């Protein structure tokens, strides 16, 4: 049986926010109003909340992940089957002139 880790508690300052992913859903804890938190923090949290609610965006993201995984598999297979390049040193040329000097 899989062992469940103990619960964690975190402390947030009034100007901090967090997103908690639970078995029952996602909870957005926003910074308190007038706490001095940058407006960009609230905007970012609002955008993430909106993005997670968009089923079409989530579906598109999964499609892109699957495409990337397929490309990685293909690249790995090509690397395994391709022969590594080799170099051959040819006698003569500058090495021969240096020895004659």
Protein backbone atom coordinates (compact mmCIF):
# COMPACT_ATOMS: atom_id res chain seq x y z
CA UNK A 1 0.00 0.00 0.00
CA UNK A 2 1.26 3.46 -0.89
CA UNK A 3 2.24 5.54 2.15
CA UNK A 4 0.58 8.94 2.30
CA UNK A 5 2.98 11.73 3.27
CA UNK A 6 2.08 13.84 6.30
CA UNK A 7 0.13 17.03 5.78
CA UNK A 8 2.15 20.21 5.37
CA UNK A 9 1.34 23.60 6.74
CA UNK A 10 2.70 26.78 5.25
CA UNK A 11 2.55 30.34 6.45
CA UNK A 12 1.85 33.16 4.07
CA UNK A 13 2.47 36.82 4.65
CA UNK A 14 -0.53 39.05 3.92
CA UNK A 15 1.13 40.08 0.63
CA UNK A 16 1.65 36.48 -0.53
CA UNK A 17 -0.60 34.13 -2.43
CA UNK A 18 -0.53 30.49 -3.44
CA UNK A 19 -2.27 27.86 -5.51
CA UNK A 20 -3.08 24.59 -3.76
CA UNK A 21 -3.79 21.46 -5.79
CA UNK A 22 -5.98 19.05 -3.85
CA UNK A 23 -7.78 15.81 -4.66
CA UNK A 24 -10.99 17.79 -4.46
CA UNK A 25 -9.85 20.59 -6.78
CA UNK A 26 -7.67 23.65 -6.99
CA UNK A 27 -7.75 26.43 -4.42
CA UNK A 28 -6.44 29.92 -5.14
CA UNK A 29 -5.40 31.86 -2.06
CA UNK A 30 -4.97 35.49 -3.04
CA UNK A 31 -2.92 38.10 -1.19
CA UNK A 32 -4.96 40.26 1.11
CA UNK A 33 -6.25 43.52 -0.37
CA UNK A 34 -4.18 46.58 0.48
CA UNK A 35 -1.26 44.33 1.55
CA UNK A 36 1.17 45.85 -0.91
CA UNK A 37 1.25 42.77 -3.13
CA UNK A 38 2.02 43.72 -6.73
CA UNK A 39 -1.03 43.82 -8.99
CA UNK A 40 0.85 41.50 -11.37
CA UNK A 41 0.58 38.74 -8.75
CA UNK A 42 -3.21 38.95 -8.70
CA UNK A 43 -3.31 39.25 -12.51
CA UNK A 44 -1.12 36.14 -12.88
CA UNK A 45 -3.27 34.16 -10.48
CA UNK A 46 -6.42 35.30 -12.31
CA UNK A 47 -4.91 34.23 -15.63
CA UNK A 48 -3.92 30.80 -14.27
CA UNK A 49 -7.40 30.32 -12.84
CA UNK A 50 -8.90 31.24 -16.22
CA UNK A 51 -6.47 28.98 -18.11
CA UNK A 52 -7.22 25.97 -15.90
CA UNK A 53 -10.95 26.49 -16.43
CA UNK A 54 -10.56 26.46 -20.23
CA UNK A 55 -10.96 22.82 -21.26
CA UNK A 56 -9.94 23.65 -24.83
CA UNK A 57 -6.64 25.15 -23.60
CA UNK A 58 -5.93 22.14 -21.39
CA UNK A 59 -6.68 19.78 -24.30
CA UNK A 60 -4.39 21.74 -26.61
CA UNK A 61 -1.62 21.62 -24.00
CA UNK A 62 -1.94 17.83 -23.72
CA UNK A 63 -1.78 17.53 -27.51
CA UNK A 64 1.43 19.57 -27.56
CA UNK A 65 2.96 17.43 -24.81
CA UNK A 66 2.13 14.27 -26.77
CA UNK A 67 3.67 15.76 -29.92
CA UNK A 68 6.84 16.72 -28.06
CA UNK A 69 7.10 13.23 -26.54
CA UNK A 70 6.69 11.66 -29.99
CA UNK A 71 9.39 13.92 -31.44
CA UNK A 72 11.75 13.06 -28.57
CA UNK A 73 11.15 9.33 -29.15
CA UNK A 74 11.82 9.74 -32.86
CA UNK A 75 15.00 11.73 -32.22
CA UNK A 76 16.27 9.14 -29.74
CA UNK A 77 15.59 6.30 -32.19
CA UNK A 78 17.40 8.15 -34.96
CA UNK A 79 20.38 8.80 -32.67
CA UNK A 80 20.54 5.11 -31.74
CA UNK A 81 20.44 3.93 -35.34
CA UNK A 82 22.75 6.51 -36.88
CA UNK A 83 26.46 5.76 -37.07
CA UNK A 84 28.71 8.20 -35.28
CA UNK A 85 31.07 10.10 -37.58
CA UNK A 86 34.73 9.10 -37.57
CA UNK A 87 37.82 11.07 -38.52
CA UNK A 88 40.78 9.72 -40.43
CA UNK A 89 44.18 11.38 -40.19
CA UNK A 90 45.97 11.47 -43.52
CA UNK A 91 49.74 11.51 -43.66
CA UNK A 92 51.40 14.30 -45.57
CA UNK A 93 50.40 17.88 -45.96
CA UNK A 94 51.74 20.24 -43.32
CA UNK A 95 52.99 17.39 -41.12
CA UNK A 96 55.31 16.25 -43.93
CA UNK A 97 56.65 19.78 -44.56
CA UNK A 98 57.39 20.25 -40.84
CA UNK A 99 59.39 17.00 -40.70
CA UNK A 100 61.43 17.96 -43.79
CA UNK A 101 62.33 21.41 -42.44
